[in-house]
């Protein structure tokens, strides 16, 4: 079975051990907020359900619920026939410590009503803010395989939660945005740079290195493609120019005769007819003595100008009487 990149990142993040004792609460609070479903079973009586498709995340949730609040939990594992993956449902049944735990995690407010934003008391310290973002990703994060398009999202049930998550990321220089999709809100990142920054921030170092490797390869491939495309365009442009030059030379040959061109132009015209596929630089190297690219270009321009004059004067019908020898009649203007 192929494991998605998101699952790999969540697997790695679920094994991160926070540096300070205050951080696990923030991480669990975000996970519960994003992925939890709260059921009211009576006056100040609640049941909490947390669903995930990642086994390490399920283990971490159960571990934190036990260690931080000594809550009883029930785990149900179901097999998805369609996706061929396991779904883990963690149920925290109604029990005396649950209400206080929900209030402590900021799921309930002081009056035991539903709270909607990120509790500032849980994210006041930077280490806790990072842990909260890690928990939010463990609960509802998605990051596309870097071999495809760079895409990252955190789901949020309320706009307030989405806005607060954006503010948390902003504290660390990560530019996130909010969109709404199918009744839910999503916090998303555009481009590889903010995704890499987020992965580094929350501790997904293996995923970070993999993403960076792919990004470097993509960048190199793009650079090569740009160079190839530019070279191909230059070759096509050179080929079109060479064919146009051959046509001009043949027009002069058919109407005036190449023997009536100045010697310098006559020699270059013969070279171009002999080597219609080469560049101007290569054409100059074929001359005897060799010519610079600038000299070749200058003479080609003179040949094009002569051919253009013939077209403009309607000389394609043949030279008129008294047209004279180009070698003498145009010597001062065209040179030798």
C-alpha atoms as a PDB file:
ATOM      1  CA  UNK A   1       0.000   0.000   0.000  1.00  0.00           C
ATOM      2  CA  UNK A   2       1.378   3.419  -0.979  1.00  0.00           C
ATOM      3  CA  UNK A   3       1.576   5.886   1.907  1.00  0.00           C
ATOM      4  CA  UNK A   4       0.690   9.475   1.066  1.00  0.00           C
ATOM      5  CA  UNK A   5       3.168  12.258   1.687  1.00  0.00           C
ATOM      6  CA  UNK A   6       0.741  13.804   4.185  1.00  0.00           C
ATOM      7  CA  UNK A   7       0.711  10.566   6.181  1.00  0.00           C
ATOM      8  CA  UNK A   8       4.505  10.493   6.150  1.00  0.00           C
ATOM      9  CA  UNK A   9       4.657  14.046   7.484  1.00  0.00           C
ATOM     10  CA  UNK A  10       2.076  13.308  10.190  1.00  0.00           C
ATOM     11  CA  UNK A  11       3.935  10.150  11.149  1.00  0.00           C
ATOM     12  CA  UNK A  12       7.121  12.178  11.576  1.00  0.00           C
ATOM     13  CA  UNK A  13       5.415  15.007  13.488  1.00  0.00           C
ATOM     14  CA  UNK A  14       3.634  12.610  15.839  1.00  0.00           C
ATOM     15  CA  UNK A  15       7.075  11.505  17.059  1.00  0.00           C
ATOM     16  CA  UNK A  16       8.312  15.021  17.806  1.00  0.00           C
ATOM     17  CA  UNK A  17       8.846  15.540  21.533  1.00  0.00           C
ATOM     18  CA  UNK A  18       8.132  19.151  22.609  1.00  0.00           C
ATOM     19  CA  UNK A  19      11.043  20.871  24.337  1.00  0.00           C
ATOM     20  CA  UNK A  20       9.041  22.282  27.253  1.00  0.00           C
ATOM     21  CA  UNK A  21       6.352  20.866  29.514  1.00  0.00           C
ATOM     22  CA  UNK A  22       3.880  23.586  28.524  1.00  0.00           C
ATOM     23  CA  UNK A  23       3.822  22.571  24.854  1.00  0.00           C
ATOM     24  CA  UNK A  24       1.959  19.208  24.813  1.00  0.00           C
ATOM     25  CA  UNK A  25      -1.240  20.892  26.018  1.00  0.00           C
ATOM     26  CA  UNK A  26      -1.140  23.351  23.098  1.00  0.00           C
ATOM     27  CA  UNK A  27      -0.531  20.520  20.629  1.00  0.00           C
ATOM     28  CA  UNK A  28      -3.399  18.422  21.997  1.00  0.00           C
ATOM     29  CA  UNK A  29      -5.697  21.462  22.138  1.00  0.00           C
ATOM     30  CA  UNK A  30      -5.142  22.181  18.438  1.00  0.00           C
ATOM     31  CA  UNK A  31      -5.633  18.543  17.491  1.00  0.00           C
ATOM     32  CA  UNK A  32      -8.891  18.331  19.409  1.00  0.00           C
ATOM     33  CA  UNK A  33     -10.066  21.677  18.055  1.00  0.00           C
ATOM     34  CA  UNK A  34      -9.424  20.755  14.428  1.00  0.00           C
ATOM     35  CA  UNK A  35     -10.258  17.051  14.378  1.00  0.00           C
ATOM     36  CA  UNK A  36     -12.560  16.598  17.381  1.00  0.00           C
ATOM     37  CA  UNK A  37     -16.346  16.333  17.436  1.00  0.00           C
ATOM     38  CA  UNK A  38     -18.065  17.373  20.667  1.00  0.00           C
ATOM     39  CA  UNK A  39     -21.423  15.875  21.682  1.00  0.00           C
ATOM     40  CA  UNK A  40     -23.529  17.374  24.476  1.00  0.00           C
ATOM     41  CA  UNK A  41     -25.105  14.528  26.450  1.00  0.00           C
ATOM     42  CA  UNK A  42     -26.634  16.523  29.308  1.00  0.00           C
ATOM     43  CA  UNK A  43     -26.110  19.508  31.580  1.00  0.00           C
ATOM     44  CA  UNK A  44     -22.361  20.067  31.537  1.00  0.00           C
ATOM     45  CA  UNK A  45     -21.932  16.543  30.218  1.00  0.00           C
ATOM     46  CA  UNK A  46     -19.998  15.955  27.020  1.00  0.00           C
ATOM     47  CA  UNK A  47     -18.633  13.187  24.853  1.00  0.00           C
ATOM     48  CA  UNK A  48     -15.656  13.824  22.602  1.00  0.00           C
ATOM     49  CA  UNK A  49     -14.713  11.945  19.413  1.00  0.00           C
ATOM     50  CA  UNK A  50     -11.461  12.336  17.485  1.00  0.00           C
ATOM     51  CA  UNK A  51     -11.010  10.622  14.117  1.00  0.00           C
ATOM     52  CA  UNK A  52      -7.793  10.142  12.177  1.00  0.00           C
ATOM     53  CA  UNK A  53      -6.413   7.933   9.425  1.00  0.00           C
ATOM     54  CA  UNK A  54      -2.888   7.954  10.842  1.00  0.00           C
ATOM     55  CA  UNK A  55      -2.053   5.383  13.496  1.00  0.00           C
ATOM     56  CA  UNK A  56       0.836   7.365  15.088  1.00  0.00           C
ATOM     57  CA  UNK A  57      -1.483  10.357  15.482  1.00  0.00           C
ATOM     58  CA  UNK A  58      -4.093   8.177  17.192  1.00  0.00           C
ATOM     59  CA  UNK A  59      -1.454   6.853  19.572  1.00  0.00           C
ATOM     60  CA  UNK A  60      -0.262  10.363  20.385  1.00  0.00           C
ATOM     61  CA  UNK A  61      -3.784  11.627  21.081  1.00  0.00           C
ATOM     62  CA  UNK A  62      -4.500   8.762  23.458  1.00  0.00           C
ATOM     63  CA  UNK A  63      -1.121   9.206  25.169  1.00  0.00           C
ATOM     64  CA  UNK A  64      -1.654  12.953  25.744  1.00  0.00           C
ATOM     65  CA  UNK A  65      -5.242  12.513  26.950  1.00  0.00           C
ATOM     66  CA  UNK A  66      -4.035  10.003  29.517  1.00  0.00           C
ATOM     67  CA  UNK A  67      -0.946  11.910  30.628  1.00  0.00           C
ATOM     68  CA  UNK A  68      -2.393  15.425  30.770  1.00  0.00           C
ATOM     69  CA  UNK A  69      -5.929  14.784  32.000  1.00  0.00           C
ATOM     70  CA  UNK A  70      -6.097  11.132  33.038  1.00  0.00           C
ATOM     71  CA  UNK A  71      -9.094  10.608  30.738  1.00  0.00           C
ATOM     72  CA  UNK A  72     -10.521   7.229  29.823  1.00  0.00           C
ATOM     73  CA  UNK A  73     -10.543   6.576  26.094  1.00  0.00           C
ATOM     74  CA  UNK A  74     -11.979   3.997  23.725  1.00  0.00           C
ATOM     75  CA  UNK A  75     -10.390   3.170  20.369  1.00  0.00           C
ATOM     76  CA  UNK A  76     -12.299   1.791  17.386  1.00  0.00           C
ATOM     77  CA  UNK A  77     -10.444   0.761  14.243  1.00  0.00           C
ATOM     78  CA  UNK A  78     -12.382   0.499  11.007  1.00  0.00           C
ATOM     79  CA  UNK A  79     -11.161  -0.584   7.597  1.00  0.00           C
ATOM     80  CA  UNK A  80     -12.107   1.570   4.630  1.00  0.00           C
ATOM     81  CA  UNK A  81     -12.888  -0.761   1.735  1.00  0.00           C
ATOM     82  CA  UNK A  82     -12.866   2.117  -0.749  1.00  0.00           C
ATOM     83  CA  UNK A  83      -9.538   3.649   0.243  1.00  0.00           C
ATOM     84  CA  UNK A  84      -8.037   0.469   1.732  1.00  0.00           C
ATOM     85  CA  UNK A  85      -6.889   2.348   4.826  1.00  0.00           C
ATOM     86  CA  UNK A  86      -7.654   2.146   8.535  1.00  0.00           C
ATOM     87  CA  UNK A  87      -9.756   4.772  10.265  1.00  0.00           C
ATOM     88  CA  UNK A  88      -9.104   5.320  13.960  1.00  0.00           C
ATOM     89  CA  UNK A  89     -11.933   6.676  16.106  1.00  0.00           C
ATOM     90  CA  UNK A  90     -10.980   7.751  19.619  1.00  0.00           C
ATOM     91  CA  UNK A  91     -13.983   8.198  21.885  1.00  0.00           C
ATOM     92  CA  UNK A  92     -13.708   9.993  25.219  1.00  0.00           C
ATOM     93  CA  UNK A  93     -16.936   9.094  27.034  1.00  0.00           C
ATOM     94  CA  UNK A  94     -18.652  11.430  29.462  1.00  0.00           C
ATOM     95  CA  UNK A  95     -16.664  11.515  32.720  1.00  0.00           C
ATOM     96  CA  UNK A  96     -16.065  14.066  35.494  1.00  0.00           C
ATOM     97  CA  UNK A  97     -12.593  15.263  34.310  1.00  0.00           C
ATOM     98  CA  UNK A  98     -13.681  15.771  30.693  1.00  0.00           C
ATOM     99  CA  UNK A  99     -15.489  19.115  31.142  1.00  0.00           C
ATOM    100  CA  UNK A 100     -12.529  20.653  32.958  1.00  0.00           C
ATOM    101  CA  UNK A 101     -10.151  19.284  30.316  1.00  0.00           C
ATOM    102  CA  UNK A 102     -12.196  20.815  27.493  1.00  0.00           C
ATOM    103  CA  UNK A 103     -12.157  24.170  29.249  1.00  0.00           C
ATOM    104  CA  UNK A 104      -8.424  23.899  29.873  1.00  0.00           C
ATOM    105  CA  UNK A 105      -7.794  23.203  26.171  1.00  0.00           C
ATOM    106  CA  UNK A 106      -9.917  26.183  25.132  1.00  0.00           C
ATOM    107  CA  UNK A 107     -12.643  24.101  23.504  1.00  0.00           C
ATOM    108  CA  UNK A 108     -15.119  25.473  26.072  1.00  0.00           C
ATOM    109  CA  UNK A 109     -15.167  29.058  27.326  1.00  0.00           C
ATOM    110  CA  UNK A 110     -15.558  30.202  30.925  1.00  0.00           C
ATOM    111  CA  UNK A 111     -19.340  29.733  30.807  1.00  0.00           C
ATOM    112  CA  UNK A 112     -18.833  26.233  29.328  1.00  0.00           C
ATOM    113  CA  UNK A 113     -20.093  27.355  25.940  1.00  0.00           C
ATOM    114  CA  UNK A 114     -18.316  26.493  22.700  1.00  0.00           C
ATOM    115  CA  UNK A 115     -15.226  28.636  22.070  1.00  0.00           C
ATOM    116  CA  UNK A 116     -14.280  29.327  18.448  1.00  0.00           C
ATOM    117  CA  UNK A 117     -10.808  30.845  18.275  1.00  0.00           C
ATOM    118  CA  UNK A 118      -7.303  29.917  19.358  1.00  0.00           C
ATOM    119  CA  UNK A 119      -6.868  30.600  23.102  1.00  0.00           C
ATOM    120  CA  UNK A 120      -4.134  33.214  23.500  1.00  0.00           C
ATOM    121  CA  UNK A 121      -3.115  31.761  26.863  1.00  0.00           C
ATOM    122  CA  UNK A 122      -2.127  28.517  25.120  1.00  0.00           C
ATOM    123  CA  UNK A 123      -0.009  30.175  22.430  1.00  0.00           C
ATOM    124  CA  UNK A 124       1.566  33.066  24.312  1.00  0.00           C
ATOM    125  CA  UNK A 125       5.010  31.471  24.191  1.00  0.00           C
ATOM    126  CA  UNK A 126       6.594  30.825  20.818  1.00  0.00           C
ATOM    127  CA  UNK A 127       7.282  27.176  21.655  1.00  0.00           C
ATOM    128  CA  UNK A 128       3.590  26.654  22.441  1.00  0.00           C
ATOM    129  CA  UNK A 129       2.522  28.500  19.288  1.00  0.00           C
ATOM    130  CA  UNK A 130       4.703  26.124  17.263  1.00  0.00           C
ATOM    131  CA  UNK A 131       3.198  23.139  19.089  1.00  0.00           C
ATOM    132  CA  UNK A 132      -0.300  24.447  18.359  1.00  0.00           C
ATOM    133  CA  UNK A 133       0.499  24.655  14.658  1.00  0.00           C
ATOM    134  CA  UNK A 134       1.936  21.153  14.773  1.00  0.00           C
ATOM    135  CA  UNK A 135      -1.243  19.868  16.412  1.00  0.00           C
ATOM    136  CA  UNK A 136      -3.403  21.667  13.856  1.00  0.00           C
ATOM    137  CA  UNK A 137      -1.544  19.920  11.039  1.00  0.00           C
ATOM    138  CA  UNK A 138      -1.769  16.541  12.780  1.00  0.00           C
ATOM    139  CA  UNK A 139      -5.511  17.069  13.040  1.00  0.00           C
ATOM    140  CA  UNK A 140      -6.469  18.527   9.680  1.00  0.00           C
ATOM    141  CA  UNK A 141      -3.365  19.171   7.615  1.00  0.00           C
ATOM    142  CA  UNK A 142      -2.661  18.237   4.029  1.00  0.00           C
ATOM    143  CA  UNK A 143       0.541  18.672   2.027  1.00  0.00           C
ATOM    144  CA  UNK A 144       0.873  17.420  -1.527  1.00  0.00           C
ATOM    145  CA  UNK A 145       3.747  15.241  -2.674  1.00  0.00           C
ATOM    146  CA  UNK A 146       6.459  17.705  -3.757  1.00  0.00           C
ATOM    147  CA  UNK A 147       6.936  15.826  -7.037  1.00  0.00           C
ATOM    148  CA  UNK A 148       3.608  17.338  -8.092  1.00  0.00           C
ATOM    149  CA  UNK A 149       2.323  20.844  -7.443  1.00  0.00           C
ATOM    150  CA  UNK A 150       3.258  22.456  -4.141  1.00  0.00           C
ATOM    151  CA  UNK A 151       0.052  22.578  -2.090  1.00  0.00           C
ATOM    152  CA  UNK A 152      -0.632  22.887   1.647  1.00  0.00           C
ATOM    153  CA  UNK A 153      -3.839  23.247   3.658  1.00  0.00           C
ATOM    154  CA  UNK A 154      -5.088  23.254   7.233  1.00  0.00           C
ATOM    155  CA  UNK A 155      -8.822  22.723   7.659  1.00  0.00           C
ATOM    156  CA  UNK A 156     -10.841  24.762  10.151  1.00  0.00           C
ATOM    157  CA  UNK A 157     -14.541  24.538  10.976  1.00  0.00           C
ATOM    158  CA  UNK A 158     -14.896  28.248  11.773  1.00  0.00           C
ATOM    159  CA  UNK A 159     -13.597  31.411  10.181  1.00  0.00           C
ATOM    160  CA  UNK A 160     -12.301  32.602  13.555  1.00  0.00           C
ATOM    161  CA  UNK A 161     -10.119  29.519  13.936  1.00  0.00           C
ATOM    162  CA  UNK A 162      -8.812  29.919  10.373  1.00  0.00           C
ATOM    163  CA  UNK A 163      -7.971  33.600  10.943  1.00  0.00           C
ATOM    164  CA  UNK A 164      -6.222  32.797  14.227  1.00  0.00           C
ATOM    165  CA  UNK A 165      -4.139  30.086  12.552  1.00  0.00           C
ATOM    166  CA  UNK A 166      -3.104  32.598   9.884  1.00  0.00           C
ATOM    167  CA  UNK A 167      -2.024  34.996  12.641  1.00  0.00           C
ATOM    168  CA  UNK A 168      -0.028  32.247  14.346  1.00  0.00           C
ATOM    169  CA  UNK A 169       1.817  31.506  11.112  1.00  0.00           C
ATOM    170  CA  UNK A 170       2.382  35.208  10.566  1.00  0.00           C
ATOM    171  CA  UNK A 171       4.302  35.374  13.839  1.00  0.00           C
ATOM    172  CA  UNK A 172       6.935  33.198  12.187  1.00  0.00           C
ATOM    173  CA  UNK A 173       7.006  34.979   8.832  1.00  0.00           C
ATOM    174  CA  UNK A 174       4.727  32.507   7.038  1.00  0.00           C
ATOM    175  CA  UNK A 175       2.246  34.205   4.709  1.00  0.00           C
ATOM    176  CA  UNK A 176      -0.945  32.122   4.858  1.00  0.00           C
ATOM    177  CA  UNK A 177      -4.399  32.814   3.426  1.00  0.00           C
ATOM    178  CA  UNK A 178      -7.957  31.670   4.057  1.00  0.00           C
ATOM    179  CA  UNK A 179     -10.461  30.233   1.620  1.00  0.00           C
ATOM    180  CA  UNK A 180     -13.848  28.610   2.050  1.00  0.00           C
ATOM    181  CA  UNK A 181     -14.699  25.263   0.554  1.00  0.00           C
ATOM    182  CA  UNK A 182     -17.799  23.078   1.031  1.00  0.00           C
ATOM    183  CA  UNK A 183     -18.866  24.784   4.226  1.00  0.00           C
ATOM    184  CA  UNK A 184     -15.423  24.603   5.828  1.00  0.00           C
ATOM    185  CA  UNK A 185     -12.545  27.038   5.943  1.00  0.00           C
ATOM    186  CA  UNK A 186      -9.040  26.195   4.793  1.00  0.00           C
ATOM    187  CA  UNK A 187      -5.775  27.911   5.602  1.00  0.00           C
ATOM    188  CA  UNK A 188      -3.477  27.475   2.631  1.00  0.00           C
ATOM    189  CA  UNK A 189       0.067  28.287   1.576  1.00  0.00           C
ATOM    190  CA  UNK A 190       1.127  29.141  -1.973  1.00  0.00           C
ATOM    191  CA  UNK A 191       4.476  28.044  -3.346  1.00  0.00           C
ATOM    192  CA  UNK A 192       7.298  25.916  -2.004  1.00  0.00           C
ATOM    193  CA  UNK A 193       9.005  28.507   0.200  1.00  0.00           C
ATOM    194  CA  UNK A 194       6.293  28.940   2.885  1.00  0.00           C
ATOM    195  CA  UNK A 195       5.642  25.174   2.911  1.00  0.00           C
ATOM    196  CA  UNK A 196       9.310  24.465   3.540  1.00  0.00           C
ATOM    197  CA  UNK A 197       9.343  27.120   6.277  1.00  0.00           C
ATOM    198  CA  UNK A 198       6.310  25.541   7.977  1.00  0.00           C
ATOM    199  CA  UNK A 199       7.782  22.033   7.849  1.00  0.00           C
ATOM    200  CA  UNK A 200      11.019  23.283   9.378  1.00  0.00           C
ATOM    201  CA  UNK A 201       9.131  25.216  12.061  1.00  0.00           C
ATOM    202  CA  UNK A 202       7.029  22.304  13.315  1.00  0.00           C
ATOM    203  CA  UNK A 203       9.870  19.767  13.164  1.00  0.00           C
ATOM    204  CA  UNK A 204       9.198  17.747   9.980  1.00  0.00           C
ATOM    205  CA  UNK A 205      12.879  17.662   9.017  1.00  0.00           C
ATOM    206  CA  UNK A 206      12.800  14.515   6.872  1.00  0.00           C
ATOM    207  CA  UNK A 207       9.862  15.881   4.897  1.00  0.00           C
ATOM    208  CA  UNK A 208      11.680  19.206   4.646  1.00  0.00           C
ATOM    209  CA  UNK A 209      14.800  17.612   3.141  1.00  0.00           C
ATOM    210  CA  UNK A 210      12.723  15.596   0.682  1.00  0.00           C
ATOM    211  CA  UNK A 211      10.810  18.695  -0.385  1.00  0.00           C
ATOM    212  CA  UNK A 212      14.016  20.697  -0.784  1.00  0.00           C
ATOM    213  CA  UNK A 213      15.614  17.946  -2.882  1.00  0.00           C
ATOM    214  CA  UNK A 214      12.606  17.831  -5.197  1.00  0.00           C
ATOM    215  CA  UNK A 215      12.465  21.620  -5.378  1.00  0.00           C
ATOM    216  CA  UNK A 216      16.140  21.814  -6.403  1.00  0.00           C
ATOM    217  CA  UNK A 217      15.626  19.149  -9.084  1.00  0.00           C
ATOM    218  CA  UNK A 218      12.535  20.980 -10.364  1.00  0.00           C
ATOM    219  CA  UNK A 219      14.457  24.249 -10.485  1.00  0.00           C
ATOM    220  CA  UNK A 220      17.332  22.656 -12.392  1.00  0.00           C
ATOM    221  CA  UNK A 221      14.913  20.991 -14.803  1.00  0.00           C
ATOM    222  CA  UNK A 222      13.125  24.296 -15.389  1.00  0.00           C
ATOM    223  CA  UNK A 223      16.443  26.053 -16.024  1.00  0.00           C
ATOM    224  CA  UNK A 224      17.460  23.360 -18.521  1.00  0.00           C
ATOM    225  CA  UNK A 225      14.071  23.560 -20.239  1.00  0.00           C
ATOM    226  CA  UNK A 226      14.357  27.335 -20.512  1.00  0.00           C
ATOM    227  CA  UNK A 227      17.835  27.038 -22.028  1.00  0.00           C
ATOM    228  CA  UNK A 228      16.710  24.337 -24.453  1.00  0.00           C
ATOM    229  CA  UNK A 229      13.643  26.339 -25.454  1.00  0.00           C
ATOM    230  CA  UNK A 230      15.745  29.459 -25.933  1.00  0.00           C
ATOM    231  CA  UNK A 231      18.313  27.542 -27.984  1.00  0.00           C
ATOM    232  CA  UNK A 232      15.573  25.930 -30.068  1.00  0.00           C
ATOM    233  CA  UNK A 233      13.981  29.303 -30.699  1.00  0.00           C
ATOM    234  CA  UNK A 234      17.352  30.743 -31.720  1.00  0.00           C
ATOM    235  CA  UNK A 235      17.985  27.826 -34.080  1.00  0.00           C
ATOM    236  CA  UNK A 236      14.541  28.213 -35.655  1.00  0.00           C
ATOM    237  CA  UNK A 237      15.093  31.940 -36.014  1.00  0.00           C
ATOM    238  CA  UNK A 238      18.522  31.364 -37.598  1.00  0.00           C
ATOM    239  CA  UNK A 239      17.096  28.752 -39.968  1.00  0.00           C
ATOM    240  CA  UNK A 240      14.285  31.081 -41.070  1.00  0.00           C
ATOM    241  CA  UNK A 241      16.780  33.910 -41.580  1.00  0.00           C
ATOM    242  CA  UNK A 242      19.096  31.654 -43.603  1.00  0.00           C
ATOM    243  CA  UNK A 243      16.247  30.535 -45.895  1.00  0.00           C
ATOM    244  CA  UNK A 244      15.245  34.160 -46.404  1.00  0.00           C
ATOM    245  CA  UNK A 245      18.852  35.004 -47.298  1.00  0.00           C
ATOM    246  CA  UNK A 246      18.987  32.138 -49.807  1.00  0.00           C
ATOM    247  CA  UNK A 247      15.760  33.395 -51.410  1.00  0.00           C
ATOM    248  CA  UNK A 248      17.205  36.924 -51.689  1.00  0.00           C
ATOM    249  CA  UNK A 249      20.401  35.606 -53.275  1.00  0.00           C
ATOM    250  CA  UNK A 250      18.441  33.514 -55.796  1.00  0.00           C
ATOM    251  CA  UNK A 251      16.289  36.510 -56.646  1.00  0.00           C
ATOM    252  CA  UNK A 252      19.414  38.537 -57.353  1.00  0.00           C
ATOM    253  CA  UNK A 253      20.878  35.654 -59.349  1.00  0.00           C
ATOM    254  CA  UNK A 254      17.725  35.246 -61.469  1.00  0.00           C
ATOM    255  CA  UNK A 255      17.266  38.933 -62.166  1.00  0.00           C
ATOM    256  CA  UNK A 256      20.685  40.542 -62.228  1.00  0.00           C
ATOM    257  CA  UNK A 257      23.150  37.694 -62.028  1.00  0.00           C
ATOM    258  CA  UNK A 258      25.535  37.225 -59.131  1.00  0.00           C
ATOM    259  CA  UNK A 259      28.516  38.140 -61.356  1.00  0.00           C
ATOM    260  CA  UNK A 260      27.271  41.729 -61.283  1.00  0.00           C
ATOM    261  CA  UNK A 261      27.464  41.942 -57.501  1.00  0.00           C
ATOM    262  CA  UNK A 262      30.514  43.488 -55.825  1.00  0.00           C
ATOM    263  CA  UNK A 263      33.195  40.872 -55.209  1.00  0.00           C
ATOM    264  CA  UNK A 264      32.678  40.811 -51.396  1.00  0.00           C
ATOM    265  CA  UNK A 265      28.939  40.247 -51.774  1.00  0.00           C
ATOM    266  CA  UNK A 266      29.393  37.774 -54.618  1.00  0.00           C
ATOM    267  CA  UNK A 267      31.735  35.583 -52.563  1.00  0.00           C
ATOM    268  CA  UNK A 268      29.461  35.653 -49.534  1.00  0.00           C
ATOM    269  CA  UNK A 269      26.398  34.866 -51.660  1.00  0.00           C
ATOM    270  CA  UNK A 270      28.170  31.824 -53.085  1.00  0.00           C
ATOM    271  CA  UNK A 271      29.076  30.684 -49.559  1.00  0.00           C
ATOM    272  CA  UNK A 272      25.500  31.043 -48.363  1.00  0.00           C
ATOM    273  CA  UNK A 273      24.171  29.014 -51.308  1.00  0.00           C
ATOM    274  CA  UNK A 274      26.778  26.364 -50.601  1.00  0.00           C
ATOM    275  CA  UNK A 275      26.029  26.291 -46.830  1.00  0.00           C
ATOM    276  CA  UNK A 276      22.356  27.266 -46.397  1.00  0.00           C
ATOM    277  CA  UNK A 277      22.058  25.614 -42.962  1.00  0.00           C
ATOM    278  CA  UNK A 278      24.958  27.201 -41.058  1.00  0.00           C
ATOM    279  CA  UNK A 279      24.939  30.224 -38.756  1.00  0.00           C
ATOM    280  CA  UNK A 280      26.521  33.573 -39.625  1.00  0.00           C
ATOM    281  CA  UNK A 281      29.505  32.778 -37.410  1.00  0.00           C
ATOM    282  CA  UNK A 282      30.042  29.430 -39.151  1.00  0.00           C
ATOM    283  CA  UNK A 283      29.539  31.102 -42.523  1.00  0.00           C
ATOM    284  CA  UNK A 284      32.329  33.559 -41.713  1.00  0.00           C
ATOM    285  CA  UNK A 285      34.630  30.731 -40.652  1.00  0.00           C
ATOM    286  CA  UNK A 286      34.077  29.103 -44.060  1.00  0.00           C
ATOM    287  CA  UNK A 287      35.306  32.184 -45.921  1.00  0.00           C
ATOM    288  CA  UNK A 288      38.879  32.544 -47.202  1.00  0.00           C
ATOM    289  CA  UNK A 289      40.203  34.502 -45.447  1.00  0.00           C
ATOM    290  CA  UNK A 290      37.771  34.008 -42.499  1.00  0.00           C
ATOM    291  CA  UNK A 291      35.333  36.807 -41.746  1.00  0.00           C
ATOM    292  CA  UNK A 292      34.029  38.018 -38.414  1.00  0.00           C
ATOM    293  CA  UNK A 293      30.364  37.562 -37.607  1.00  0.00           C
ATOM    294  CA  UNK A 294      29.951  41.337 -37.783  1.00  0.00           C
ATOM    295  CA  UNK A 295      31.425  41.465 -41.297  1.00  0.00           C
ATOM    296  CA  UNK A 296      29.201  38.616 -42.479  1.00  0.00           C
ATOM    297  CA  UNK A 297      26.129  40.283 -40.967  1.00  0.00           C
ATOM    298  CA  UNK A 298      26.995  43.595 -42.661  1.00  0.00           C
ATOM    299  CA  UNK A 299      27.303  41.947 -46.090  1.00  0.00           C
ATOM    300  CA  UNK A 300      24.113  39.927 -45.618  1.00  0.00           C
ATOM    301  CA  UNK A 301      22.275  43.148 -44.839  1.00  0.00           C
ATOM    302  CA  UNK A 302      23.558  44.670 -48.081  1.00  0.00           C
ATOM    303  CA  UNK A 303      22.386  41.641 -50.077  1.00  0.00           C
ATOM    304  CA  UNK A 304      18.943  41.850 -48.401  1.00  0.00           C
ATOM    305  CA  UNK A 305      18.757  45.563 -49.183  1.00  0.00           C
ATOM    306  CA  UNK A 306      19.557  44.951 -52.857  1.00  0.00           C
ATOM    307  CA  UNK A 307      16.925  42.230 -53.093  1.00  0.00           C
ATOM    308  CA  UNK A 308      14.437  44.504 -51.356  1.00  0.00           C
ATOM    309  CA  UNK A 309      15.079  47.257 -53.877  1.00  0.00           C
ATOM    310  CA  UNK A 310      14.409  44.843 -56.720  1.00  0.00           C
ATOM    311  CA  UNK A 311      11.057  43.897 -55.219  1.00  0.00           C
ATOM    312  CA  UNK A 312      10.144  47.526 -54.587  1.00  0.00           C
ATOM    313  CA  UNK A 313      11.061  48.563 -58.146  1.00  0.00           C
ATOM    314  CA  UNK A 314       9.304  45.591 -59.735  1.00  0.00           C
ATOM    315  CA  UNK A 315      12.617  44.341 -61.010  1.00  0.00           C
ATOM    316  CA  UNK A 316      11.555  40.719 -60.729  1.00  0.00           C
ATOM    317  CA  UNK A 317      10.680  40.967 -64.431  1.00  0.00           C
ATOM    318  CA  UNK A 318      14.380  41.293 -65.245  1.00  0.00           C
ATOM    319  CA  UNK A 319      16.868  44.157 -65.479  1.00  0.00           C
ATOM    320  CA  UNK A 320      15.859  47.193 -67.495  1.00  0.00           C
ATOM    321  CA  UNK A 321      18.025  48.640 -70.261  1.00  0.00           C
ATOM    322  CA  UNK A 322      20.907  50.685 -69.034  1.00  0.00           C
ATOM    323  CA  UNK A 323      20.733  49.246 -65.566  1.00  0.00           C
ATOM    324  CA  UNK A 324      24.497  48.954 -65.683  1.00  0.00           C
ATOM    325  CA  UNK A 325      26.921  46.824 -63.703  1.00  0.00           C
ATOM    326  CA  UNK A 326      26.245  46.776 -59.971  1.00  0.00           C
ATOM    327  CA  UNK A 327      29.969  46.521 -59.445  1.00  0.00           C
ATOM    328  CA  UNK A 328      30.358  49.973 -60.946  1.00  0.00           C
ATOM    329  CA  UNK A 329      26.896  51.499 -60.697  1.00  0.00           C
ATOM    330  CA  UNK A 330      26.590  50.865 -56.941  1.00  0.00           C
ATOM    331  CA  UNK A 331      30.265  50.877 -55.968  1.00  0.00           C
ATOM    332  CA  UNK A 332      30.182  54.055 -53.943  1.00  0.00           C
ATOM    333  CA  UNK A 333      26.966  53.120 -52.140  1.00  0.00           C
ATOM    334  CA  UNK A 334      27.595  49.370 -51.614  1.00  0.00           C
ATOM    335  CA  UNK A 335      31.383  49.170 -51.417  1.00  0.00           C
ATOM    336  CA  UNK A 336      33.456  46.186 -52.491  1.00  0.00           C
END
